[in-house]
PDB file of N, CA and C in Angstrom:
ATOM      1  N   MET A   1     115.353-217.030 -51.480  1.00  0.00           N
ATOM      2  CA  MET A   1     115.466-217.650 -50.178  1.00  0.00           C
ATOM      3  C   MET A   1     114.391-218.732 -50.068  1.00  0.00           C
ATOM      4  N   ASP A   2     114.825-219.930 -49.750  1.00  0.00           N
ATOM      5  CA  ASP A   2     113.858-221.022 -49.651  1.00  0.00           C
ATOM      6  C   ASP A   2     113.305-221.122 -48.225  1.00  0.00           C
ATOM      7  N   LYS A   3     112.376-222.022 -48.068  1.00  0.00           N
ATOM      8  CA  LYS A   3     111.663-222.183 -46.799  1.00  0.00           C
ATOM      9  C   LYS A   3     112.601-222.482 -45.640  1.00  0.00           C
ATOM     10  N   GLU A   4     113.575-223.340 -45.851  1.00  0.00           N
ATOM     11  CA  GLU A   4     114.517-223.718 -44.788  1.00  0.00           C
ATOM     12  C   GLU A   4     115.373-222.536 -44.342  1.00  0.00           C
ATOM     13  N   GLU A   5     115.786-221.695 -45.290  1.00  0.00           N
ATOM     14  CA  GLU A   5     116.588-220.517 -44.947  1.00  0.00           C
ATOM     15  C   GLU A   5     115.770-219.534 -44.120  1.00  0.00           C
ATOM     16  N   VAL A   6     114.501-219.352 -44.503  1.00  0.00           N
ATOM     17  CA  VAL A   6     113.611-218.459 -43.760  1.00  0.00           C
ATOM     18  C   VAL A   6     113.413-218.978 -42.344  1.00  0.00           C
ATOM     19  N   LEU A   7     113.173-220.268 -42.201  1.00  0.00           N
ATOM     20  CA  LEU A   7     112.997-220.867 -40.878  1.00  0.00           C
ATOM     21  C   LEU A   7     114.264-220.741 -40.033  1.00  0.00           C
ATOM     22  N   ALA A   8     115.416-220.972 -40.635  1.00  0.00           N
ATOM     23  CA  ALA A   8     116.684-220.860 -39.908  1.00  0.00           C
ATOM     24  C   ALA A   8     116.910-219.435 -39.448  1.00  0.00           C
ATOM     25  N   LYS A   9     116.617-218.467 -40.309  1.00  0.00           N
ATOM     26  CA  LYS A   9     116.785-217.059 -39.946  1.00  0.00           C
ATOM     27  C   LYS A   9     115.821-216.672 -38.828  1.00  0.00           C
ATOM     28  N   SER A  10     114.584-217.139 -38.919  1.00  0.00           N
ATOM     29  CA  SER A  10     113.580-216.848 -37.888  1.00  0.00           C
ATOM     30  C   SER A  10     113.990-217.446 -36.548  1.00  0.00           C
ATOM     31  N   ARG A  11     114.494-218.660 -36.563  1.00  0.00           N
ATOM     32  CA  ARG A  11     114.942-219.306 -35.318  1.00  0.00           C
ATOM     33  C   ARG A  11     116.118-218.539 -34.706  1.00  0.00           C
ATOM     34  N   ALA A  12     117.018-218.086 -35.547  1.00  0.00           N
ATOM     35  CA  ALA A  12     118.178-217.336 -35.062  1.00  0.00           C
ATOM     36  C   ALA A  12     117.735-216.017 -34.430  1.00  0.00           C
ATOM     37  N   GLU A  13     116.772-215.343 -35.067  1.00  0.00           N
ATOM     38  CA  GLU A  13     116.281-214.070 -34.532  1.00  0.00           C
ATOM     39  C   GLU A  13     115.525-214.259 -33.229  1.00  0.00           C
ATOM     40  N   ASN A  14     114.748-215.309 -33.137  1.00  0.00           N
ATOM     41  CA  ASN A  14     113.923-215.545 -31.956  1.00  0.00           C
ATOM     42  C   ASN A  14     114.588-216.467 -30.941  1.00  0.00           C
ATOM     43  N   LYS A  15     115.787-216.921 -31.241  1.00  0.00           N
ATOM     44  CA  LYS A  15     116.549-217.804 -30.348  1.00  0.00           C
ATOM     45  C   LYS A  15     115.719-218.996 -29.901  1.00  0.00           C
ATOM     46  N   ASN A  16     115.041-219.601 -30.859  1.00  0.00           N
ATOM     47  CA  ASN A  16     114.210-220.784 -30.638  1.00  0.00           C
ATOM     48  C   ASN A  16     113.052-220.552 -29.662  1.00  0.00           C
ATOM     49  N   LYS A  17     112.644-219.300 -29.470  1.00  0.00           N
ATOM     50  CA  LYS A  17     111.492-219.018 -28.628  1.00  0.00           C
ATOM     51  C   LYS A  17     110.243-218.973 -29.493  1.00  0.00           C
ATOM     52  N   ASP A  18     109.160-219.411 -28.923  1.00  0.00           N
ATOM     53  CA  ASP A  18     107.887-219.420 -29.614  1.00  0.00           C
ATOM     54  C   ASP A  18     107.348-217.990 -29.696  1.00  0.00           C
ATOM     55  N   VAL A  19     107.019-217.531 -30.889  1.00  0.00           N
ATOM     56  CA  VAL A  19     106.523-216.174 -31.092  1.00  0.00           C
ATOM     57  C   VAL A  19     105.203-215.975 -30.353  1.00  0.00           C
ATOM     58  N   TYR A  20     104.349-216.974 -30.379  1.00  0.00           N
ATOM     59  CA  TYR A  20     103.071-216.887 -29.662  1.00  0.00           C
ATOM     60  C   TYR A  20     103.306-216.719 -28.168  1.00  0.00           C
ATOM     61  N   GLU A  21     104.244-217.494 -27.624  1.00  0.00           N
ATOM     62  CA  GLU A  21     104.558-217.387 -26.200  1.00  0.00           C
ATOM     63  C   GLU A  21     105.079-215.994 -25.864  1.00  0.00           C
ATOM     64  N   GLN A  22     105.905-215.424 -26.720  1.00  0.00           N
ATOM     65  CA  GLN A  22     106.418-214.077 -26.492  1.00  0.00           C
ATOM     66  C   GLN A  22     105.278-213.060 -26.475  1.00  0.00           C
ATOM     67  N   GLU A  23     104.323-213.210 -27.373  1.00  0.00           N
ATOM     68  CA  GLU A  23     103.186-212.298 -27.414  1.00  0.00           C
ATOM     69  C   GLU A  23     102.313-212.444 -26.166  1.00  0.00           C
ATOM     70  N   VAL A  24     102.106-213.668 -25.710  1.00  0.00           N
ATOM     71  CA  VAL A  24     101.339-213.902 -24.490  1.00  0.00           C
ATOM     72  C   VAL A  24     102.033-213.269 -23.295  1.00  0.00           C
ATOM     73  N   LEU A  25     103.345-213.423 -23.197  1.00  0.00           N
ATOM     74  CA  LEU A  25     104.098-212.816 -22.097  1.00  0.00           C
ATOM     75  C   LEU A  25     104.019-211.295 -22.146  1.00  0.00           C
ATOM     76  N   LYS A  26     104.037-210.724 -23.336  1.00  0.00           N
ATOM     77  CA  LYS A  26     103.912-209.273 -23.482  1.00  0.00           C
ATOM     78  C   LYS A  26     102.546-208.799 -22.994  1.00  0.00           C
ATOM     79  N   GLN A  27     101.495-209.504 -23.388  1.00  0.00           N
ATOM     80  CA  GLN A  27     100.147-209.148 -22.945  1.00  0.00           C
ATOM     81  C   GLN A  27      99.994-209.335 -21.440  1.00  0.00           C
ATOM     82  N   ALA A  28     100.598-210.388 -20.892  1.00  0.00           N
ATOM     83  CA  ALA A  28     100.537-210.628 -19.445  1.00  0.00           C
ATOM     84  C   ALA A  28     101.229-209.507 -18.694  1.00  0.00           C
ATOM     85  N   SER A  29     102.344-209.040 -19.206  1.00  0.00           N
ATOM     86  CA  SER A  29     103.073-207.948 -18.575  1.00  0.00           C
ATOM     87  C   SER A  29     102.240-206.670 -18.561  1.00  0.00           C
ATOM     88  N   LYS A  30     101.599-206.373 -19.682  1.00  0.00           N
ATOM     89  CA  LYS A  30     100.741-205.184 -19.744  1.00  0.00           C
ATOM     90  C   LYS A  30      99.573-205.311 -18.768  1.00  0.00           C
ATOM     91  N   SER A  31      98.993-206.490 -18.685  1.00  0.00           N
ATOM     92  CA  SER A  31      97.882-206.706 -17.749  1.00  0.00           C
ATOM     93  C   SER A  31      98.340-206.557 -16.309  1.00  0.00           C
ATOM     94  N   ALA A  32      99.531-207.040 -16.002  1.00  0.00           N
ATOM     95  CA  ALA A  32     100.054-206.930 -14.645  1.00  0.00           C
ATOM     96  C   ALA A  32     100.239-205.468 -14.244  1.00  0.00           C
ATOM     97  N   VAL A  33     100.713-204.650 -15.163  1.00  0.00           N
ATOM     98  CA  VAL A  33     100.890-203.225 -14.872  1.00  0.00           C
ATOM     99  C   VAL A  33      99.533-202.560 -14.654  1.00  0.00           C
ATOM    100  N   ARG A  34      98.542-202.930 -15.453  1.00  0.00           N
ATOM    101  CA  ARG A  34      97.199-202.357 -15.264  1.00  0.00           C
ATOM    102  C   ARG A  34      96.621-202.740 -13.902  1.00  0.00           C
ATOM    103  N   VAL A  35      96.806-203.987 -13.507  1.00  0.00           N
ATOM    104  CA  VAL A  35      96.314-204.434 -12.199  1.00  0.00           C
ATOM    105  C   VAL A  35      97.029-203.659 -11.089  1.00  0.00           C
ATOM    106  N   GLN A  36      98.330-203.441 -11.241  1.00  0.00           N
ATOM    107  CA  GLN A  36      99.073-202.644 -10.259  1.00  0.00           C
ATOM    108  C   GLN A  36      98.483-201.243 -10.146  1.00  0.00           C
ATOM    109  N   LEU A  37      98.191-200.626 -11.284  1.00  0.00           N
ATOM    110  CA  LEU A  37      97.627-199.276 -11.263  1.00  0.00           C
ATOM    111  C   LEU A  37      96.263-199.250 -10.574  1.00  0.00           C
ATOM    112  N   ILE A  38      95.430-200.235 -10.868  1.00  0.00           N
ATOM    113  CA  ILE A  38      94.100-200.280 -10.251  1.00  0.00           C
ATOM    114  C   ILE A  38      94.202-200.501  -8.748  1.00  0.00           C
ATOM    115  N   LEU A  39      95.008-201.489  -8.335  1.00  0.00           N
ATOM    116  CA  LEU A  39      95.168-201.730  -6.895  1.00  0.00           C
ATOM    117  C   LEU A  39      95.806-200.538  -6.195  1.00  0.00           C
ATOM    118  N   GLY A  40      96.787-199.928  -6.835  1.00  0.00           N
ATOM    119  CA  GLY A  40      97.415-198.746  -6.260  1.00  0.00           C
ATOM    120  C   GLY A  40      96.405-197.636  -6.057  1.00  0.00           C
ATOM    121  N   ALA A  41      95.531-197.429  -7.039  1.00  0.00           N
ATOM    122  CA  ALA A  41      94.500-196.394  -6.920  1.00  0.00           C
ATOM    123  C   ALA A  41      93.525-196.712  -5.790  1.00  0.00           C
ATOM    124  N   ILE A  42      93.128-197.971  -5.686  1.00  0.00           N
ATOM    125  CA  ILE A  42      92.206-198.368  -4.609  1.00  0.00           C
ATOM    126  C   ILE A  42      92.857-198.137  -3.245  1.00  0.00           C
ATOM    127  N   PHE A  43      94.097-198.584  -3.076  1.00  0.00           N
ATOM    128  CA  PHE A  43      94.790-198.398  -1.794  1.00  0.00           C
ATOM    129  C   PHE A  43      95.013-196.919  -1.496  1.00  0.00           C
ATOM    130  N   PHE A  44      95.374-196.144  -2.509  1.00  0.00           N
ATOM    131  CA  PHE A  44      95.639-194.718  -2.366  1.00  0.00           C
ATOM    132  C   PHE A  44      94.393-193.987  -1.883  1.00  0.00           C
ATOM    133  N   VAL A  45      93.273-194.210  -2.564  1.00  0.00           N
ATOM    134  CA  VAL A  45      92.011-193.549  -2.220  1.00  0.00           C
ATOM    135  C   VAL A  45      91.510-194.020  -0.856  1.00  0.00           C
ATOM    136  N   THR A  46      91.595-195.320  -0.585  1.00  0.00           N
ATOM    137  CA  THR A  46      91.151-195.848   0.705  1.00  0.00           C
ATOM    138  C   THR A  46      91.931-195.222   1.850  1.00  0.00           C
ATOM    139  N   GLN A  47      93.237-195.099   1.688  1.00  0.00           N
ATOM    140  CA  GLN A  47      94.058-194.523   2.750  1.00  0.00           C
ATOM    141  C   GLN A  47      93.694-193.066   3.005  1.00  0.00           C
ATOM    142  N   ILE A  48      93.373-192.327   1.956  1.00  0.00           N
ATOM    143  CA  ILE A  48      92.958-190.929   2.130  1.00  0.00           C
ATOM    144  C   ILE A  48      91.623-190.860   2.867  1.00  0.00           C
ATOM    145  N   PHE A  49      90.656-191.722   2.478  1.00  0.00           N
ATOM    146  CA  PHE A  49      89.329-191.683   3.087  1.00  0.00           C
ATOM    147  C   PHE A  49      89.328-192.105   4.546  1.00  0.00           C
ATOM    148  N   VAL A  50      90.220-192.989   4.954  1.00  0.00           N
ATOM    149  CA  VAL A  50      90.244-193.407   6.360  1.00  0.00           C
ATOM    150  C   VAL A  50      91.083-192.463   7.214  1.00  0.00           C
ATOM    151  N   GLY A  51      91.569-191.402   6.608  1.00  0.00           N
ATOM    152  CA  GLY A  51      92.272-190.373   7.368  1.00  0.00           C
ATOM    153  C   GLY A  51      93.740-190.645   7.624  1.00  0.00           C
ATOM    154  N   GLU A  52      94.324-191.526   6.874  1.00  0.00           N
ATOM    155  CA  GLU A  52      95.737-191.851   7.071  1.00  0.00           C
ATOM    156  C   GLU A  52      96.665-191.009   6.196  1.00  0.00           C
ATOM    157  N   GLY A  53      96.119-190.051   5.474  1.00  0.00           N
ATOM    158  CA  GLY A  53      96.955-189.214   4.609  1.00  0.00           C
ATOM    159  C   GLY A  53      97.269-189.899   3.290  1.00  0.00           C
ATOM    160  N   ILE A  54      98.251-189.360   2.613  1.00  0.00           N
ATOM    161  CA  ILE A  54      98.612-189.867   1.286  1.00  0.00           C
ATOM    162  C   ILE A  54      99.891-190.681   1.388  1.00  0.00           C
ATOM    163  N   ASN A  55      99.847-191.896   0.859  1.00  0.00           N
ATOM    164  CA  ASN A  55     101.021-192.757   0.837  1.00  0.00           C
ATOM    165  C   ASN A  55     101.606-192.725  -0.577  1.00  0.00           C
ATOM    166  N   TRP A  56     102.588-191.858  -0.761  1.00  0.00           N
ATOM    167  CA  TRP A  56     103.191-191.702  -2.081  1.00  0.00           C
ATOM    168  C   TRP A  56     104.016-192.924  -2.474  1.00  0.00           C
ATOM    169  N   GLY A  57     104.403-193.732  -1.501  1.00  0.00           N
ATOM    170  CA  GLY A  57     105.176-194.931  -1.780  1.00  0.00           C
ATOM    171  C   GLY A  57     104.431-195.930  -2.635  1.00  0.00           C
ATOM    172  N   ILE A  58     103.117-195.987  -2.475  1.00  0.00           N
ATOM    173  CA  ILE A  58     102.309-196.904  -3.274  1.00  0.00           C
ATOM    174  C   ILE A  58     102.447-196.561  -4.756  1.00  0.00           C
ATOM    175  N   TYR A  59     102.257-195.285  -5.083  1.00  0.00           N
ATOM    176  CA  TYR A  59     102.359-194.909  -6.485  1.00  0.00           C
ATOM    177  C   TYR A  59     103.785-194.957  -6.996  1.00  0.00           C
ATOM    178  N   ALA A  60     104.763-194.726  -6.139  1.00  0.00           N
ATOM    179  CA  ALA A  60     106.157-194.875  -6.567  1.00  0.00           C
ATOM    180  C   ALA A  60     106.402-196.316  -7.019  1.00  0.00           C
ATOM    181  N   LEU A  61     105.863-197.269  -6.266  1.00  0.00           N
ATOM    182  CA  LEU A  61     106.003-198.679  -6.656  1.00  0.00           C
ATOM    183  C   LEU A  61     105.269-198.985  -7.955  1.00  0.00           C
ATOM    184  N   VAL A  62     104.060-198.476  -8.070  1.00  0.00           N
ATOM    185  CA  VAL A  62     103.267-198.736  -9.266  1.00  0.00           C
ATOM    186  C   VAL A  62     103.945-198.136 -10.500  1.00  0.00           C
ATOM    187  N   TYR A  63     104.375-196.897 -10.398  1.00  0.00           N
ATOM    188  CA  TYR A  63     105.010-196.240 -11.546  1.00  0.00           C
ATOM    189  C   TYR A  63     106.385-196.816 -11.860  1.00  0.00           C
ATOM    190  N   SER A  64     107.002-197.466 -10.898  1.00  0.00           N
ATOM    191  CA  SER A  64     108.322-198.052 -11.162  1.00  0.00           C
ATOM    192  C   SER A  64     108.231-199.184 -12.194  1.00  0.00           C
ATOM    193  N   ALA A  65     107.092-199.857 -12.260  1.00  0.00           N
ATOM    194  CA  ALA A  65     106.912-200.903 -13.275  1.00  0.00           C
ATOM    195  C   ALA A  65     106.897-200.284 -14.669  1.00  0.00           C
ATOM    196  N   ASN A  66     106.151-199.194 -14.834  1.00  0.00           N
ATOM    197  CA  ASN A  66     106.137-198.500 -16.124  1.00  0.00           C
ATOM    198  C   ASN A  66     107.510-197.920 -16.441  1.00  0.00           C
ATOM    199  N   MET A  67     108.156-197.358 -15.447  1.00  0.00           N
ATOM    200  CA  MET A  67     109.485-196.786 -15.644  1.00  0.00           C
ATOM    201  C   MET A  67     110.448-197.849 -16.176  1.00  0.00           C
ATOM    202  N   THR A  68     110.450-198.999 -15.548  1.00  0.00           N
ATOM    203  CA  THR A  68     111.337-200.079 -15.963  1.00  0.00           C
ATOM    204  C   THR A  68     111.009-200.559 -17.372  1.00  0.00           C
ATOM    205  N   THR A  69     109.730-200.697 -17.669  1.00  0.00           N
ATOM    206  CA  THR A  69     109.312-201.132 -18.997  1.00  0.00           C
ATOM    207  C   THR A  69     109.809-200.174 -20.074  1.00  0.00           C
ATOM    208  N   PHE A  70     109.639-198.874 -19.850  1.00  0.00           N
ATOM    209  CA  PHE A  70     110.074-197.901 -20.849  1.00  0.00           C
ATOM    210  C   PHE A  70     111.590-197.835 -20.974  1.00  0.00           C
ATOM    211  N   TRP A  71     112.320-197.986 -19.869  1.00  0.00           N
ATOM    212  CA  TRP A  71     113.780-197.999 -19.972  1.00  0.00           C
ATOM    213  C   TRP A  71     114.260-199.216 -20.761  1.00  0.00           C
ATOM    214  N   VAL A  72     113.681-200.373 -20.501  1.00  0.00           N
ATOM    215  CA  VAL A  72     114.086-201.578 -21.242  1.00  0.00           C
ATOM    216  C   VAL A  72     113.745-201.421 -22.724  1.00  0.00           C
ATOM    217  N   LYS A  73     112.547-200.913 -23.026  1.00  0.00           N
ATOM    218  CA  LYS A  73     112.163-200.714 -24.415  1.00  0.00           C
ATOM    219  C   LYS A  73     113.097-199.720 -25.101  1.00  0.00           C
ATOM    220  N   TYR A  74     113.473-198.644 -24.398  1.00  0.00           N
ATOM    221  CA  TYR A  74     114.383-197.673 -24.997  1.00  0.00           C
ATOM    222  C   TYR A  74     115.758-198.294 -25.260  1.00  0.00           C
ATOM    223  N   ILE A  75     116.270-199.027 -24.293  1.00  0.00           N
ATOM    224  CA  ILE A  75     117.591-199.650 -24.445  1.00  0.00           C
ATOM    225  C   ILE A  75     117.597-200.641 -25.606  1.00  0.00           C
ATOM    226  N   LYS A  76     116.521-201.404 -25.745  1.00  0.00           N
ATOM    227  CA  LYS A  76     116.465-202.421 -26.800  1.00  0.00           C
ATOM    228  C   LYS A  76     116.093-201.847 -28.168  1.00  0.00           C
ATOM    229  N   LEU A  77     115.188-200.858 -28.199  1.00  0.00           N
ATOM    230  CA  LEU A  77     114.652-200.358 -29.468  1.00  0.00           C
ATOM    231  C   LEU A  77     115.206-199.005 -29.901  1.00  0.00           C
ATOM    232  N   HIS A  78     115.776-198.259 -28.968  1.00  0.00           N
ATOM    233  CA  HIS A  78     116.351-196.932 -29.241  1.00  0.00           C
ATOM    234  C   HIS A  78     115.339-195.957 -29.844  1.00  0.00           C
ATOM    235  N   CYS A  79     114.105-195.997 -29.351  1.00  0.00           N
ATOM    236  CA  CYS A  79     113.075-195.072 -29.801  1.00  0.00           C
ATOM    237  C   CYS A  79     113.039-193.873 -28.866  1.00  0.00           C
ATOM    238  N   LYS A  80     113.008-192.678 -29.461  1.00  0.00           N
ATOM    239  CA  LYS A  80     113.043-191.456 -28.650  1.00  0.00           C
ATOM    240  C   LYS A  80     111.815-191.310 -27.760  1.00  0.00           C
ATOM    241  N   HIS A  81     110.640-191.703 -28.262  1.00  0.00           N
ATOM    242  CA  HIS A  81     109.448-191.562 -27.422  1.00  0.00           C
ATOM    243  C   HIS A  81     109.510-192.492 -26.208  1.00  0.00           C
ATOM    244  N   GLU A  82     110.176-193.627 -26.333  1.00  0.00           N
ATOM    245  CA  GLU A  82     110.348-194.521 -25.180  1.00  0.00           C
ATOM    246  C   GLU A  82     111.258-193.845 -24.145  1.00  0.00           C
ATOM    247  N   LEU A  83     112.285-193.139 -24.614  1.00  0.00           N
ATOM    248  CA  LEU A  83     113.182-192.409 -23.717  1.00  0.00           C
ATOM    249  C   LEU A  83     112.433-191.308 -22.976  1.00  0.00           C
ATOM    250  N   VAL A  84     111.587-190.585 -23.693  1.00  0.00           N
ATOM    251  CA  VAL A  84     110.815-189.502 -23.065  1.00  0.00           C
ATOM    252  C   VAL A  84     109.938-190.062 -21.948  1.00  0.00           C
ATOM    253  N   TRP A  85     109.217-191.149 -22.238  1.00  0.00           N
ATOM    254  CA  TRP A  85     108.356-191.750 -21.212  1.00  0.00           C
ATOM    255  C   TRP A  85     109.173-192.328 -20.064  1.00  0.00           C
ATOM    256  N   ALA A  86     110.321-192.909 -20.370  1.00  0.00           N
ATOM    257  CA  ALA A  86     111.180-193.444 -19.318  1.00  0.00           C
ATOM    258  C   ALA A  86     111.621-192.325 -18.375  1.00  0.00           C
ATOM    259  N   ILE A  87     111.990-191.185 -18.930  1.00  0.00           N
ATOM    260  CA  ILE A  87     112.415-190.044 -18.104  1.00  0.00           C
ATOM    261  C   ILE A  87     111.247-189.504 -17.281  1.00  0.00           C
ATOM    262  N   VAL A  88     110.074-189.396 -17.898  1.00  0.00           N
ATOM    263  CA  VAL A  88     108.886-188.906 -17.173  1.00  0.00           C
ATOM    264  C   VAL A  88     108.571-189.815 -15.989  1.00  0.00           C
ATOM    265  N   TYR A  89     108.539-191.123 -16.231  1.00  0.00           N
ATOM    266  CA  TYR A  89     108.232-192.053 -15.141  1.00  0.00           C
ATOM    267  C   TYR A  89     109.346-192.075 -14.093  1.00  0.00           C
ATOM    268  N   THR A  90     110.582-191.911 -14.511  1.00  0.00           N
ATOM    269  CA  THR A  90     111.685-191.864 -13.551  1.00  0.00           C
ATOM    270  C   THR A  90     111.544-190.653 -12.633  1.00  0.00           C
ATOM    271  N   ILE A  91     111.200-189.510 -13.196  1.00  0.00           N
ATOM    272  CA  ILE A  91     110.991-188.302 -12.385  1.00  0.00           C
ATOM    273  C   ILE A  91     109.841-188.521 -11.408  1.00  0.00           C
ATOM    274  N   LEU A  92     108.734-189.094 -11.898  1.00  0.00           N
ATOM    275  CA  LEU A  92     107.595-189.373 -11.010  1.00  0.00           C
ATOM    276  C   LEU A  92     108.006-190.293  -9.855  1.00  0.00           C
ATOM    277  N   VAL A  93     108.713-191.359 -10.174  1.00  0.00           N
ATOM    278  CA  VAL A  93     109.131-192.312  -9.141  1.00  0.00           C
ATOM    279  C   VAL A  93     110.073-191.646  -8.139  1.00  0.00           C
ATOM    280  N   LEU A  94     111.020-190.860  -8.623  1.00  0.00           N
ATOM    281  CA  LEU A  94     111.958-190.195  -7.716  1.00  0.00           C
ATOM    282  C   LEU A  94     111.260-189.187  -6.806  1.00  0.00           C
ATOM    283  N   VAL A  95     110.365-188.381  -7.374  1.00  0.00           N
ATOM    284  CA  VAL A  95     109.647-187.380  -6.573  1.00  0.00           C
ATOM    285  C   VAL A  95     108.755-188.062  -5.540  1.00  0.00           C
ATOM    286  N   MET A  96     107.991-189.050  -5.967  1.00  0.00           N
ATOM    287  CA  MET A  96     107.090-189.738  -5.034  1.00  0.00           C
ATOM    288  C   MET A  96     107.863-190.512  -3.980  1.00  0.00           C
ATOM    289  N   SER A  97     108.956-191.139  -4.368  1.00  0.00           N
ATOM    290  CA  SER A  97     109.787-191.867  -3.394  1.00  0.00           C
ATOM    291  C   SER A  97     110.389-190.903  -2.387  1.00  0.00           C
ATOM    292  N   GLY A  98     110.897-189.793  -2.889  1.00  0.00           N
ATOM    293  CA  GLY A  98     111.482-188.789  -1.999  1.00  0.00           C
ATOM    294  C   GLY A  98     110.469-188.247  -1.016  1.00  0.00           C
ATOM    295  N   TYR A  99     109.280-187.937  -1.510  1.00  0.00           N
ATOM    296  CA  TYR A  99     108.238-187.408  -0.639  1.00  0.00           C
ATOM    297  C   TYR A  99     107.803-188.453   0.387  1.00  0.00           C
ATOM    298  N   HIS A 100     107.701-189.698  -0.038  1.00  0.00           N
ATOM    299  CA  HIS A 100     107.323-190.773   0.889  1.00  0.00           C
ATOM    300  C   HIS A 100     108.376-190.942   1.982  1.00  0.00           C
ATOM    301  N   ILE A 101     109.638-190.961   1.604  1.00  0.00           N
ATOM    302  CA  ILE A 101     110.718-191.103   2.589  1.00  0.00           C
ATOM    303  C   ILE A 101     110.750-189.901   3.524  1.00  0.00           C
ATOM    304  N   TYR A 102     110.550-188.705   2.978  1.00  0.00           N
ATOM    305  CA  TYR A 102     110.502-187.505   3.815  1.00  0.00           C
ATOM    306  C   TYR A 102     109.371-187.612   4.839  1.00  0.00           C
ATOM    307  N   ASN A 103     108.191-188.044   4.402  1.00  0.00           N
ATOM    308  CA  ASN A 103     107.059-188.197   5.336  1.00  0.00           C
ATOM    309  C   ASN A 103     107.357-189.238   6.413  1.00  0.00           C
ATOM    310  N   LEU A 104     108.016-190.314   6.052  1.00  0.00           N
ATOM    311  CA  LEU A 104     108.364-191.339   7.036  1.00  0.00           C
ATOM    312  C   LEU A 104     109.336-190.777   8.068  1.00  0.00           C
ATOM    313  N   ILE A 105     110.335-190.056   7.617  1.00  0.00           N
ATOM    314  CA  ILE A 105     111.321-189.476   8.542  1.00  0.00           C
ATOM    315  C   ILE A 105     110.669-188.407   9.414  1.00  0.00           C
ATOM    316  N   ALA A 106     109.822-187.555   8.805  1.00  0.00           N
ATOM    317  CA  ALA A 106     109.184-186.470   9.555  1.00  0.00           C
ATOM    318  C   ALA A 106     108.233-186.995  10.623  1.00  0.00           C
ATOM    319  N   SER A 107     107.598-188.130  10.392  1.00  0.00           N
ATOM    320  CA  SER A 107     106.645-188.658  11.353  1.00  0.00           C
ATOM    321  C   SER A 107     107.256-189.725  12.271  1.00  0.00           C
ATOM    322  N   SER A 108     108.529-189.948  12.144  1.00  0.00           N
ATOM    323  CA  SER A 108     109.192-190.981  12.941  1.00  0.00           C
ATOM    324  C   SER A 108     109.267-190.579  14.413  1.00  0.00           C
ATOM    325  N   THR A 109     109.016-191.519  15.290  1.00  0.00           N
ATOM    326  CA  THR A 109     109.148-191.268  16.715  1.00  0.00           C
ATOM    327  C   THR A 109     110.552-191.625  17.203  1.00  0.00           C
ATOM    328  N   ILE A 110     111.330-192.295  16.379  1.00  0.00           N
ATOM    329  CA  ILE A 110     112.690-192.694  16.751  1.00  0.00           C
ATOM    330  C   ILE A 110     113.663-191.545  16.501  1.00  0.00           C
ATOM    331  N   LEU A 111     113.462-190.833  15.383  1.00  0.00           N
ATOM    332  CA  LEU A 111     114.406-189.767  15.036  1.00  0.00           C
ATOM    333  C   LEU A 111     114.091-188.473  15.690  1.00  0.00           C
TER     334      LEU A 111
END
């Protein structure tokens, strides 16, 4: 295989996308999830300390980013460990979302 064939195959696999740009976007995505986790933790702890109780919706939102990432990775890569993490995060998001919605309904003055 000569140089031109290798380049043509690489372009076809990457659909003319820059490999460096793809790596930067991957790192940016990971950083964004970390920032979400940190902000979620700060908001979660602050809300508890000011006496407003626990807002499970915050963590449901934060974990939904990880859940989505693992589902996409599983669908694209078909790795079993990605499926396991996707299911774990999905359960966390569903439980926290359910609890948050239950708390909203239970404390509602309209219902």
